[in-house]
C-alpha atoms as a PDB file:
ATOM      1  CA  MET A   1      87.514 122.075   6.981  1.00  0.00           C
ATOM      2  CA  ASP A   2      84.932 122.347   9.808  1.00  0.00           C
ATOM      3  CA  TYR A   3      82.432 125.155  10.305  1.00  0.00           C
ATOM      4  CA  GLN A   4      84.607 126.974  12.910  1.00  0.00           C
ATOM      5  CA  GLU A   5      87.651 127.028  10.610  1.00  0.00           C
ATOM      6  CA  HIS A   6      85.562 128.188   7.629  1.00  0.00           C
ATOM      7  CA  HIS A   7      84.044 130.959   9.801  1.00  0.00           C
ATOM      8  CA  ARG A   8      87.391 132.300  10.929  1.00  0.00           C
ATOM      9  CA  GLU A   9      88.841 132.255   7.417  1.00  0.00           C
ATOM     10  CA  GLY A  10      85.756 134.187   6.237  1.00  0.00           C
ATOM     11  CA  GLU A  11      86.233 136.718   8.982  1.00  0.00           C
ATOM     12  CA  THR A  12      89.839 137.226   8.001  1.00  0.00           C
ATOM     13  CA  LEU A  13      89.068 137.646   4.347  1.00  0.00           C
ATOM     14  CA  ALA A  14      86.211 140.053   5.069  1.00  0.00           C
ATOM     15  CA  GLN A  15      88.415 142.279   7.240  1.00  0.00           C
ATOM     16  CA  PHE A  16      90.999 142.451   4.343  1.00  0.00           C
ATOM     17  CA  LEU A  17      88.340 143.199   1.729  1.00  0.00           C
ATOM     18  CA  SER A  18      86.774 145.869   3.871  1.00  0.00           C
ATOM     19  CA  GLY A  19      90.100 147.686   4.199  1.00  0.00           C
ATOM     20  CA  ARG A  20      90.234 147.181   7.981  1.00  0.00           C
ATOM     21  CA  VAL A  21      93.580 145.354   7.753  1.00  0.00           C
ATOM     22  CA  GLY A  22      96.427 145.670   5.204  1.00  0.00           C
ATOM     23  CA  ARG A  23      97.798 142.831   3.021  1.00  0.00           C
ATOM     24  CA  ARG A  24     100.694 142.011   5.359  1.00  0.00           C
ATOM     25  CA  GLU A  25      98.443 141.765   8.375  1.00  0.00           C
ATOM     26  CA  PHE A  26      95.835 139.773   6.323  1.00  0.00           C
ATOM     27  CA  LEU A  27      98.522 137.220   5.378  1.00  0.00           C
ATOM     28  CA  ARG A  28      99.660 136.964   8.996  1.00  0.00           C
ATOM     29  CA  ARG A  29      96.158 136.222  10.200  1.00  0.00           C
ATOM     30  CA  ALA A  30      95.498 133.855   7.288  1.00  0.00           C
ATOM     31  CA  ALA A  31      98.562 131.770   8.249  1.00  0.00           C
ATOM     32  CA  LEU A  32      97.195 131.422  11.821  1.00  0.00           C
ATOM     33  CA  VAL A  33      93.543 130.830  11.124  1.00  0.00           C
ATOM     34  CA  THR A  34      94.269 128.230   8.389  1.00  0.00           C
ATOM     35  CA  GLY A  35      96.648 126.448  10.684  1.00  0.00           C
ATOM     36  CA  GLY A  36      99.176 126.251   7.979  1.00  0.00           C
ATOM     37  CA  SER A  37      96.926 124.689   5.453  1.00  0.00           C
ATOM     38  CA  ILE A  38      98.631 125.062   2.086  1.00  0.00           C
ATOM     39  CA  LEU A  39      95.395 125.072   0.081  1.00  0.00           C
ATOM     40  CA  SER A  40      93.481 127.493   2.354  1.00  0.00           C
ATOM     41  CA  PHE A  41      96.477 129.800   2.801  1.00  0.00           C
ATOM     42  CA  SER A  42      97.310 129.851  -0.886  1.00  0.00           C
ATOM     43  CA  LEU A  43      93.641 130.566  -1.830  1.00  0.00           C
ATOM     44  CA  LEU A  44      93.401 133.492   0.671  1.00  0.00           C
ATOM     45  CA  GLY A  45      96.773 134.825  -0.433  1.00  0.00           C
ATOM     46  CA  SER A  46      95.681 134.711  -4.107  1.00  0.00           C
ATOM     47  CA  LEU A  47      92.520 136.591  -3.175  1.00  0.00           C
ATOM     48  CA  ALA A  48      94.592 139.153  -1.391  1.00  0.00           C
ATOM     49  CA  CYS A  49      96.748 139.694  -4.485  1.00  0.00           C
ATOM     50  CA  GLN A  50      93.676 140.005  -6.603  1.00  0.00           C
ATOM     51  CA  GLN A  51      92.165 142.484  -4.263  1.00  0.00           C
ATOM     52  CA  GLU A  52      95.074 144.840  -4.704  1.00  0.00           C
ATOM     53  CA  GLN A  53      94.181 145.112  -8.372  1.00  0.00           C
ATOM     54  CA  LEU A  54      90.588 146.078  -7.742  1.00  0.00           C
ATOM     55  CA  PRO A  55      89.443 149.691  -7.963  1.00  0.00           C
ATOM     56  CA  GLU A  56      88.251 151.363  -4.789  1.00  0.00           C
ATOM     57  CA  THR A  57      84.601 151.126  -5.904  1.00  0.00           C
ATOM     58  CA  ALA A  58      84.841 147.332  -6.242  1.00  0.00           C
ATOM     59  CA  VAL A  59      85.778 146.713  -2.632  1.00  0.00           C
ATOM     60  CA  LEU A  60      83.205 144.494  -1.004  1.00  0.00           C
ATOM     61  CA  LYS A  61      81.499 145.605   2.173  1.00  0.00           C
ATOM     62  CA  ALA A  62      81.999 143.152   5.042  1.00  0.00           C
ATOM     63  CA  VAL A  63      79.498 142.406   7.707  1.00  0.00           C
ATOM     64  CA  PRO A  64      80.719 144.128  10.951  1.00  0.00           C
ATOM     65  CA  THR A  65      82.659 141.844  13.346  1.00  0.00           C
ATOM     66  CA  LEU A  66      84.347 142.167  16.661  1.00  0.00           C
ATOM     67  CA  ALA A  67      87.839 142.932  15.230  1.00  0.00           C
ATOM     68  CA  PRO A  68      90.879 142.091  17.275  1.00  0.00           C
ATOM     69  CA  GLY A  69      93.166 145.012  18.330  1.00  0.00           C
ATOM     70  CA  PRO A  70      96.871 145.432  17.453  1.00  0.00           C
ATOM     71  CA  GLY A  71      98.919 142.411  18.162  1.00  0.00           C
ATOM     72  CA  GLU A  72      95.829 140.136  18.524  1.00  0.00           C
ATOM     73  CA  THR A  73      94.294 137.448  16.505  1.00  0.00           C
ATOM     74  CA  VAL A  74      91.278 136.852  18.748  1.00  0.00           C
ATOM     75  CA  ALA A  75      89.457 139.800  20.307  1.00  0.00           C
ATOM     76  CA  PRO A  76      89.124 139.597  24.159  1.00  0.00           C
ATOM     77  CA  ASN A  77      85.379 140.187  23.788  1.00  0.00           C
ATOM     78  CA  ASP A  78      84.964 137.545  21.059  1.00  0.00           C
ATOM     79  CA  PRO A  79      81.408 136.164  21.671  1.00  0.00           C
ATOM     80  CA  ARG A  80      82.446 132.554  21.402  1.00  0.00           C
ATOM     81  CA  ILE A  81      84.697 132.662  24.473  1.00  0.00           C
ATOM     82  CA  GLU A  82      84.864 134.085  28.086  1.00  0.00           C
ATOM     83  CA  ALA A  83      88.236 135.656  28.897  1.00  0.00           C
ATOM     84  CA  GLY A  84      89.859 137.840  31.425  1.00  0.00           C
ATOM     85  CA  PRO A  85      92.402 138.229  34.256  1.00  0.00           C
ATOM     86  CA  VAL A  86      92.321 135.889  37.297  1.00  0.00           C
ATOM     87  CA  GLU A  87      94.149 135.593  40.594  1.00  0.00           C
ATOM     88  CA  PHE A  88      94.822 132.508  42.727  1.00  0.00           C
ATOM     89  CA  GLN A  89      97.060 131.375  45.522  1.00  0.00           C
ATOM     90  CA  SER A  90     100.454 129.699  45.639  1.00  0.00           C
ATOM     91  CA  GLY A  91     100.964 129.258  49.419  1.00  0.00           C
ATOM     92  CA  ASP A  92     100.858 132.752  50.927  1.00  0.00           C
ATOM     93  CA  ALA A  93     101.428 134.465  47.571  1.00  0.00           C
ATOM     94  CA  THR A  94      98.815 135.744  45.174  1.00  0.00           C
ATOM     95  CA  LEU A  95      99.503 134.740  41.566  1.00  0.00           C
ATOM     96  CA  MET A  96      98.098 136.319  38.468  1.00  0.00           C
ATOM     97  CA  GLY A  97      97.032 134.923  35.063  1.00  0.00           C
ATOM     98  CA  TYR A  98      94.660 135.289  32.185  1.00  0.00           C
ATOM     99  CA  LEU A  99      91.949 132.650  31.728  1.00  0.00           C
ATOM    100  CA  ALA A 100      90.112 131.957  28.454  1.00  0.00           C
ATOM    101  CA  ARG A 101      87.443 129.331  27.966  1.00  0.00           C
ATOM    102  CA  PRO A 102      84.755 128.343  25.506  1.00  0.00           C
ATOM    103  CA  LYS A 103      81.329 129.771  26.249  1.00  0.00           C
ATOM    104  CA  SER A 104      79.567 126.504  25.550  1.00  0.00           C
ATOM    105  CA  GLY A 105      80.078 122.739  25.656  1.00  0.00           C
ATOM    106  CA  GLY A 106      82.312 120.898  27.997  1.00  0.00           C
ATOM    107  CA  PRO A 107      83.761 119.490  30.028  1.00  0.00           C
ATOM    108  CA  HIS A 108      87.004 120.750  28.426  1.00  0.00           C
ATOM    109  CA  PRO A 109      90.665 119.786  28.642  1.00  0.00           C
ATOM    110  CA  THR A 110      92.882 122.448  30.143  1.00  0.00           C
ATOM    111  CA  VAL A 111      96.125 123.994  28.838  1.00  0.00           C
ATOM    112  CA  LEU A 112      98.656 126.110  30.720  1.00  0.00           C
ATOM    113  CA  VAL A 113     100.327 128.766  28.503  1.00  0.00           C
ATOM    114  CA  LEU A 114     103.842 129.941  29.626  1.00  0.00           C
ATOM    115  CA  HIS A 115     105.406 133.174  28.371  1.00  0.00           C
ATOM    116  CA  GLU A 116     108.831 134.124  27.169  1.00  0.00           C
ATOM    117  CA  ASN A 117     111.493 135.713  29.353  1.00  0.00           C
ATOM    118  CA  THR A 118     109.972 139.115  28.482  1.00  0.00           C
ATOM    119  CA  GLY A 119     107.070 138.367  30.732  1.00  0.00           C
ATOM    120  CA  MET A 120     103.293 138.431  30.166  1.00  0.00           C
ATOM    121  CA  LEU A 121     103.012 140.525  27.044  1.00  0.00           C
ATOM    122  CA  PRO A 122      99.785 140.712  24.985  1.00  0.00           C
ATOM    123  CA  HIS A 123     100.807 137.885  22.666  1.00  0.00           C
ATOM    124  CA  PHE A 124     100.361 135.237  25.422  1.00  0.00           C
ATOM    125  CA  PRO A 125      96.754 135.961  26.519  1.00  0.00           C
ATOM    126  CA  ASP A 126      96.060 135.903  22.817  1.00  0.00           C
ATOM    127  CA  VAL A 127      97.492 132.353  22.521  1.00  0.00           C
ATOM    128  CA  ALA A 128      95.084 131.466  25.438  1.00  0.00           C
ATOM    129  CA  ARG A 129      92.217 132.860  23.510  1.00  0.00           C
ATOM    130  CA  ARG A 130      93.186 130.922  20.404  1.00  0.00           C
ATOM    131  CA  LEU A 131      93.087 127.767  22.408  1.00  0.00           C
ATOM    132  CA  ALA A 132      89.726 128.661  23.884  1.00  0.00           C
ATOM    133  CA  LEU A 133      88.338 128.790  20.289  1.00  0.00           C
ATOM    134  CA  GLU A 134      89.661 125.207  19.827  1.00  0.00           C
ATOM    135  CA  GLY A 135      87.783 123.901  22.779  1.00  0.00           C
ATOM    136  CA  TYR A 136      90.301 124.208  25.657  1.00  0.00           C
ATOM    137  CA  VAL A 137      90.254 126.037  28.989  1.00  0.00           C
ATOM    138  CA  ALA A 138      93.509 127.906  28.816  1.00  0.00           C
ATOM    139  CA  LEU A 139      95.388 129.810  31.472  1.00  0.00           C
ATOM    140  CA  ALA A 140      98.236 132.176  30.532  1.00  0.00           C
ATOM    141  CA  LEU A 141     100.352 132.418  33.701  1.00  0.00           C
ATOM    142  CA  ASP A 142     102.112 135.586  34.624  1.00  0.00           C
ATOM    143  CA  LEU A 143     105.246 134.157  36.296  1.00  0.00           C
ATOM    144  CA  LEU A 144     105.900 137.660  37.713  1.00  0.00           C
ATOM    145  CA  GLY A 145     102.503 137.658  39.432  1.00  0.00           C
ATOM    146  CA  ARG A 146     103.809 137.273  42.933  1.00  0.00           C
ATOM    147  CA  HIS A 147     105.865 140.463  42.250  1.00  0.00           C
ATOM    148  CA  GLY A 148     102.933 142.500  41.035  1.00  0.00           C
ATOM    149  CA  GLY A 149     102.789 141.168  37.553  1.00  0.00           C
ATOM    150  CA  THR A 150     104.679 142.020  34.362  1.00  0.00           C
ATOM    151  CA  ALA A 151     102.825 145.273  33.969  1.00  0.00           C
ATOM    152  CA  SER A 152     104.162 146.529  37.269  1.00  0.00           C
ATOM    153  CA  PHE A 153     107.792 146.600  35.869  1.00  0.00           C
ATOM    154  CA  PRO A 154     109.147 149.742  34.187  1.00  0.00           C
ATOM    155  CA  ASP A 155     110.343 148.001  31.086  1.00  0.00           C
ATOM    156  CA  ILE A 156     111.092 144.621  29.437  1.00  0.00           C
ATOM    157  CA  ASP A 157     114.642 144.538  30.683  1.00  0.00           C
ATOM    158  CA  ALA A 158     113.437 144.791  34.241  1.00  0.00           C
ATOM    159  CA  ALA A 159     110.869 142.065  33.748  1.00  0.00           C
ATOM    160  CA  LYS A 160     113.598 139.864  32.174  1.00  0.00           C
ATOM    161  CA  ALA A 161     115.992 140.462  35.154  1.00  0.00           C
ATOM    162  CA  ALA A 162     113.219 139.701  37.689  1.00  0.00           C
ATOM    163  CA  GLN A 163     112.209 136.446  35.922  1.00  0.00           C
ATOM    164  CA  GLY A 164     115.908 135.468  35.579  1.00  0.00           C
ATOM    165  CA  ALA A 165     116.384 135.917  39.290  1.00  0.00           C
ATOM    166  CA  MET A 166     113.515 133.599  40.201  1.00  0.00           C
ATOM    167  CA  PRO A 167     114.692 130.359  41.885  1.00  0.00           C
ATOM    168  CA  GLU A 168     113.714 127.268  39.988  1.00  0.00           C
ATOM    169  CA  LYS A 169     111.923 125.882  43.014  1.00  0.00           C
ATOM    170  CA  GLN A 170     109.696 128.959  43.179  1.00  0.00           C
ATOM    171  CA  THR A 171     108.962 128.792  39.379  1.00  0.00           C
ATOM    172  CA  VAL A 172     107.949 125.100  39.622  1.00  0.00           C
ATOM    173  CA  SER A 173     105.780 125.813  42.781  1.00  0.00           C
ATOM    174  CA  ASP A 174     103.948 128.597  40.934  1.00  0.00           C
ATOM    175  CA  MET A 175     103.436 126.531  37.828  1.00  0.00           C
ATOM    176  CA  ASN A 176     102.166 123.647  40.031  1.00  0.00           C
ATOM    177  CA  ALA A 177      99.754 126.146  41.714  1.00  0.00           C
ATOM    178  CA  ALA A 178      98.476 127.169  38.216  1.00  0.00           C
ATOM    179  CA  VAL A 179      97.809 123.526  37.348  1.00  0.00           C
ATOM    180  CA  ASP A 180      95.981 123.005  40.617  1.00  0.00           C
ATOM    181  CA  TYR A 181      93.907 126.109  39.939  1.00  0.00           C
ATOM    182  CA  MET A 182      92.908 124.924  36.475  1.00  0.00           C
ATOM    183  CA  ARG A 183      92.052 121.408  37.717  1.00  0.00           C
ATOM    184  CA  GLY A 184      89.675 122.924  40.314  1.00  0.00           C
ATOM    185  CA  LEU A 185      87.731 124.853  37.813  1.00  0.00           C
ATOM    186  CA  SER A 186      84.204 123.874  36.904  1.00  0.00           C
ATOM    187  CA  GLY A 187      83.466 122.426  33.432  1.00  0.00           C
ATOM    188  CA  ILE A 188      86.856 120.951  32.855  1.00  0.00           C
ATOM    189  CA  ARG A 189      88.434 117.510  32.661  1.00  0.00           C
ATOM    190  CA  PRO A 190      90.973 117.331  35.580  1.00  0.00           C
ATOM    191  CA  ASP A 191      92.677 114.337  34.113  1.00  0.00           C
ATOM    192  CA  ARG A 192      93.380 116.164  30.730  1.00  0.00           C
ATOM    193  CA  VAL A 193      96.014 118.816  31.384  1.00  0.00           C
ATOM    194  CA  GLY A 194      98.525 120.212  28.844  1.00  0.00           C
ATOM    195  CA  VAL A 195     101.203 122.834  28.773  1.00  0.00           C
ATOM    196  CA  ILE A 196     102.603 124.981  25.941  1.00  0.00           C
ATOM    197  CA  GLY A 197     105.444 127.488  26.358  1.00  0.00           C
ATOM    198  CA  PHE A 198     107.822 129.659  24.394  1.00  0.00           C
ATOM    199  CA  CYS A 199     111.463 130.501  24.856  1.00  0.00           C
ATOM    200  CA  ARG A 200     111.977 130.507  28.617  1.00  0.00           C
ATOM    201  CA  GLY A 201     108.399 129.307  28.744  1.00  0.00           C
ATOM    202  CA  GLY A 202     109.432 126.413  26.581  1.00  0.00           C
ATOM    203  CA  THR A 203     112.172 125.461  29.029  1.00  0.00           C
ATOM    204  CA  ASN A 204     109.582 125.757  31.932  1.00  0.00           C
ATOM    205  CA  THR A 205     107.232 123.601  29.785  1.00  0.00           C
ATOM    206  CA  MET A 206     109.725 120.742  29.737  1.00  0.00           C
ATOM    207  CA  LEU A 207     110.576 121.254  33.438  1.00  0.00           C
ATOM    208  CA  LEU A 208     106.829 121.067  34.442  1.00  0.00           C
ATOM    209  CA  ALA A 209     106.461 117.991  32.290  1.00  0.00           C
ATOM    210  CA  VAL A 210     108.896 116.116  34.526  1.00  0.00           C
ATOM    211  CA  ARG A 211     107.926 117.740  37.858  1.00  0.00           C
ATOM    212  CA  ASN A 212     104.050 117.451  37.572  1.00  0.00           C
ATOM    213  CA  LEU A 213     102.677 114.028  36.813  1.00  0.00           C
ATOM    214  CA  ASN A 214      99.294 115.609  35.929  1.00  0.00           C
ATOM    215  CA  ILE A 215     100.713 116.799  32.632  1.00  0.00           C
ATOM    216  CA  ARG A 216      99.598 114.634  29.707  1.00  0.00           C
ATOM    217  CA  ALA A 217     100.819 116.759  26.808  1.00  0.00           C
ATOM    218  CA  ALA A 218     103.632 119.244  26.502  1.00  0.00           C
ATOM    219  CA  VAL A 219     104.514 121.500  23.566  1.00  0.00           C
ATOM    220  CA  PRO A 220     107.786 123.398  24.272  1.00  0.00           C
ATOM    221  CA  PHE A 221     108.576 125.949  21.611  1.00  0.00           C
ATOM    222  CA  TYR A 222     112.385 126.466  21.396  1.00  0.00           C
ATOM    223  CA  GLY A 223     112.955 125.506  24.972  1.00  0.00           C
ATOM    224  CA  SER A 224     115.995 123.891  26.746  1.00  0.00           C
ATOM    225  CA  ASN A 225     115.998 120.284  27.845  1.00  0.00           C
ATOM    226  CA  PRO A 226     115.044 119.291  31.363  1.00  0.00           C
ATOM    227  CA  PRO A 227     117.361 117.052  33.473  1.00  0.00           C
ATOM    228  CA  LEU A 228     117.314 114.114  31.112  1.00  0.00           C
ATOM    229  CA  GLU A 229     117.243 111.488  33.799  1.00  0.00           C
ATOM    230  CA  GLU A 230     113.994 113.005  35.163  1.00  0.00           C
ATOM    231  CA  LEU A 231     112.193 112.126  31.866  1.00  0.00           C
ATOM    232  CA  ALA A 232     111.931 108.639  33.264  1.00  0.00           C
ATOM    233  CA  ARG A 233     108.988 109.715  35.373  1.00  0.00           C
ATOM    234  CA  THR A 234     107.044 112.077  33.033  1.00  0.00           C
ATOM    235  CA  ASN A 235     103.561 111.226  31.948  1.00  0.00           C
ATOM    236  CA  ALA A 236     103.641 113.833  29.228  1.00  0.00           C
ATOM    237  CA  ALA A 237     103.753 113.229  25.510  1.00  0.00           C
ATOM    238  CA  ILE A 238     106.211 115.896  24.304  1.00  0.00           C
ATOM    239  CA  LEU A 239     106.083 117.705  21.050  1.00  0.00           C
ATOM    240  CA  ASN A 240     109.294 119.621  20.614  1.00  0.00           C
ATOM    241  CA  ILE A 241     109.158 122.638  18.281  1.00  0.00           C
ATOM    242  CA  ILE A 242     112.615 123.472  16.869  1.00  0.00           C
ATOM    243  CA  PRO A 243     113.627 126.429  14.681  1.00  0.00           C
ATOM    244  CA  SER A 244     116.356 125.499  12.230  1.00  0.00           C
ATOM    245  CA  GLU A 245     118.158 128.788  12.837  1.00  0.00           C
ATOM    246  CA  ASP A 246     118.398 128.208  16.608  1.00  0.00           C
ATOM    247  CA  ALA A 247     121.594 126.359  16.874  1.00  0.00           C
ATOM    248  CA  LYS A 248     121.302 125.714  20.617  1.00  0.00           C
ATOM    249  CA  ARG A 249     118.012 124.018  20.360  1.00  0.00           C
ATOM    250  CA  VAL A 250     118.985 122.037  17.257  1.00  0.00           C
ATOM    251  CA  ALA A 251     121.906 120.664  19.142  1.00  0.00           C
ATOM    252  CA  MET A 252     119.856 119.751  22.169  1.00  0.00           C
ATOM    253  CA  ALA A 253     117.144 117.958  20.299  1.00  0.00           C
ATOM    254  CA  PRO A 254     118.912 114.581  19.662  1.00  0.00           C
ATOM    255  CA  GLU A 255     119.646 114.147  23.394  1.00  0.00           C
ATOM    256  CA  LEU A 256     116.011 114.753  24.293  1.00  0.00           C
ATOM    257  CA  GLU A 257     114.786 112.388  21.683  1.00  0.00           C
ATOM    258  CA  ALA A 258     117.278 109.650  22.785  1.00  0.00           C
ATOM    259  CA  ALA A 259     116.273 109.994  26.446  1.00  0.00           C
ATOM    260  CA  MET A 260     112.545 109.858  25.610  1.00  0.00           C
ATOM    261  CA  GLN A 261     113.089 106.681  23.561  1.00  0.00           C
ATOM    262  CA  GLN A 262     115.180 105.151  26.300  1.00  0.00           C
ATOM    263  CA  TYR A 263     112.426 105.659  28.882  1.00  0.00           C
ATOM    264  CA  GLY A 264     109.707 104.505  26.487  1.00  0.00           C
ATOM    265  CA  LYS A 265     107.923 107.896  26.326  1.00  0.00           C
ATOM    266  CA  VAL A 266     105.951 109.558  23.590  1.00  0.00           C
ATOM    267  CA  TYR A 267     107.972 112.105  21.752  1.00  0.00           C
ATOM    268  CA  LYS A 268     108.027 114.048  18.419  1.00  0.00           C
ATOM    269  CA  GLY A 269     110.482 116.729  17.329  1.00  0.00           C
ATOM    270  CA  VAL A 270     109.605 118.959  14.393  1.00  0.00           C
ATOM    271  CA  THR A 271     112.203 121.363  12.894  1.00  0.00           C
ATOM    272  CA  TYR A 272     110.996 124.378  10.850  1.00  0.00           C
ATOM    273  CA  GLU A 273     113.402 125.416   8.142  1.00  0.00           C
ATOM    274  CA  GLY A 274     114.333 129.099   8.022  1.00  0.00           C
ATOM    275  CA  ALA A 275     112.732 129.853  11.373  1.00  0.00           C
ATOM    276  CA  LYS A 276     114.518 131.688  14.096  1.00  0.00           C
ATOM    277  CA  HIS A 277     114.132 131.579  17.857  1.00  0.00           C
ATOM    278  CA  SER A 278     110.719 133.139  18.748  1.00  0.00           C
ATOM    279  CA  PHE A 279     109.444 132.631  15.285  1.00  0.00           C
ATOM    280  CA  PHE A 280     105.824 132.029  16.594  1.00  0.00           C
ATOM    281  CA  ASN A 281     105.552 135.413  18.321  1.00  0.00           C
ATOM    282  CA  ASP A 282     103.756 137.650  15.767  1.00  0.00           C
ATOM    283  CA  GLN A 283     104.657 140.755  17.782  1.00  0.00           C
ATOM    284  CA  LYS A 284     108.381 140.312  16.891  1.00  0.00           C
ATOM    285  CA  GLU A 285     108.602 141.423  13.320  1.00  0.00           C
ATOM    286  CA  ASN A 286     112.249 140.614  13.083  1.00  0.00           C
ATOM    287  CA  ARG A 287     111.731 137.014  14.091  1.00  0.00           C
ATOM    288  CA  TYR A 288     108.108 136.160  13.266  1.00  0.00           C
ATOM    289  CA  HIS A 289     107.848 133.556  10.447  1.00  0.00           C
ATOM    290  CA  PRO A 290     104.173 133.294   9.251  1.00  0.00           C
ATOM    291  CA  GLN A 291     104.435 130.039   7.375  1.00  0.00           C
ATOM    292  CA  ALA A 292     106.345 128.223  10.199  1.00  0.00           C
ATOM    293  CA  ALA A 293     104.032 129.767  12.788  1.00  0.00           C
ATOM    294  CA  GLY A 294     100.952 128.505  10.994  1.00  0.00           C
ATOM    295  CA  GLU A 295     102.416 125.026  10.389  1.00  0.00           C
ATOM    296  CA  ALA A 296     103.635 124.774  14.082  1.00  0.00           C
ATOM    297  CA  TRP A 297     100.094 125.837  15.293  1.00  0.00           C
ATOM    298  CA  GLN A 298      98.523 123.107  13.208  1.00  0.00           C
ATOM    299  CA  GLU A 299     101.034 120.571  14.593  1.00  0.00           C
ATOM    300  CA  THR A 300     100.335 121.797  18.168  1.00  0.00           C
ATOM    301  CA  LEU A 301      96.578 121.480  17.833  1.00  0.00           C
ATOM    302  CA  GLY A 302      96.878 117.948  16.318  1.00  0.00           C
ATOM    303  CA  TRP A 303      99.113 116.966  19.310  1.00  0.00           C
ATOM    304  CA  LEU A 304      96.748 118.389  21.856  1.00  0.00           C
ATOM    305  CA  GLN A 305      93.761 116.826  20.086  1.00  0.00           C
ATOM    306  CA  GLN A 306      95.410 113.417  20.201  1.00  0.00           C
ATOM    307  CA  HIS A 307      96.693 113.441  23.798  1.00  0.00           C
ATOM    308  CA  LEU A 308      94.112 115.599  25.597  1.00  0.00           C
ATOM    309  CA  LYS A 309      90.853 115.107  23.629  1.00  0.00           C
ATOM    310  CA  GLY A 310      91.556 111.640  22.128  1.00  0.00           C
END
């Protein structure tokens, strides 16, 4: 375990012991910050169980930290990163996103984060901040930016309808504009670009991997396959995250793997038993699967390390 991982585990435990988070939230954060490490997660979980047996007077006092808000694992004002909203152009349209980057070091690889069909909800900027802590410049793209952004819609159903109505050509154009924006930033490695997406964002991740040759690593979480014949030209190493309880994605995976092998491309598919569609999204209590999410995050970081930092 490196210093950064140890520090984050310590913060998580301290917040639980101080009473600032409950046991359920503690275990959720532990699964994320340990990256699915069985030893670390089991140790923290054991401490959580022990803590529930302690009298109130025995609760340890934690050193104050910048605690994340509801639905977050990394606070926007975390001192280790710089993060906030950005705007950039796609032709005549102004697009919107959320950029997170390490405060020190560099040059860094870049990763584009693509949201679900619900639009740019708080979970996705949080994913960008998590990536920034791992040494990436990450841009969470609001694909409804040219329409005023997700926040301008009255509800999730309206945001879903607007995103569903977007022509594929426009979606690809806006994603390409986001890649160009990232590659033009200072302190980055323009030849090391990755993309990670969820649900519809997973589908868009695979689509971008075959339409933009700058993409070196792609991690689609429960997305649909791109046109298989287009995989012949991709430069991206694809890590396909598959929930066992998502019959559609399970059925698609063998075709994707066969096509990647046919064209001599780098591919890995990982199925997470007991996990449903959207299992990574910790704001969806009926679908979130802490163990699978932690393990998938660890797998994702390993993939990005290998293909963007290696």
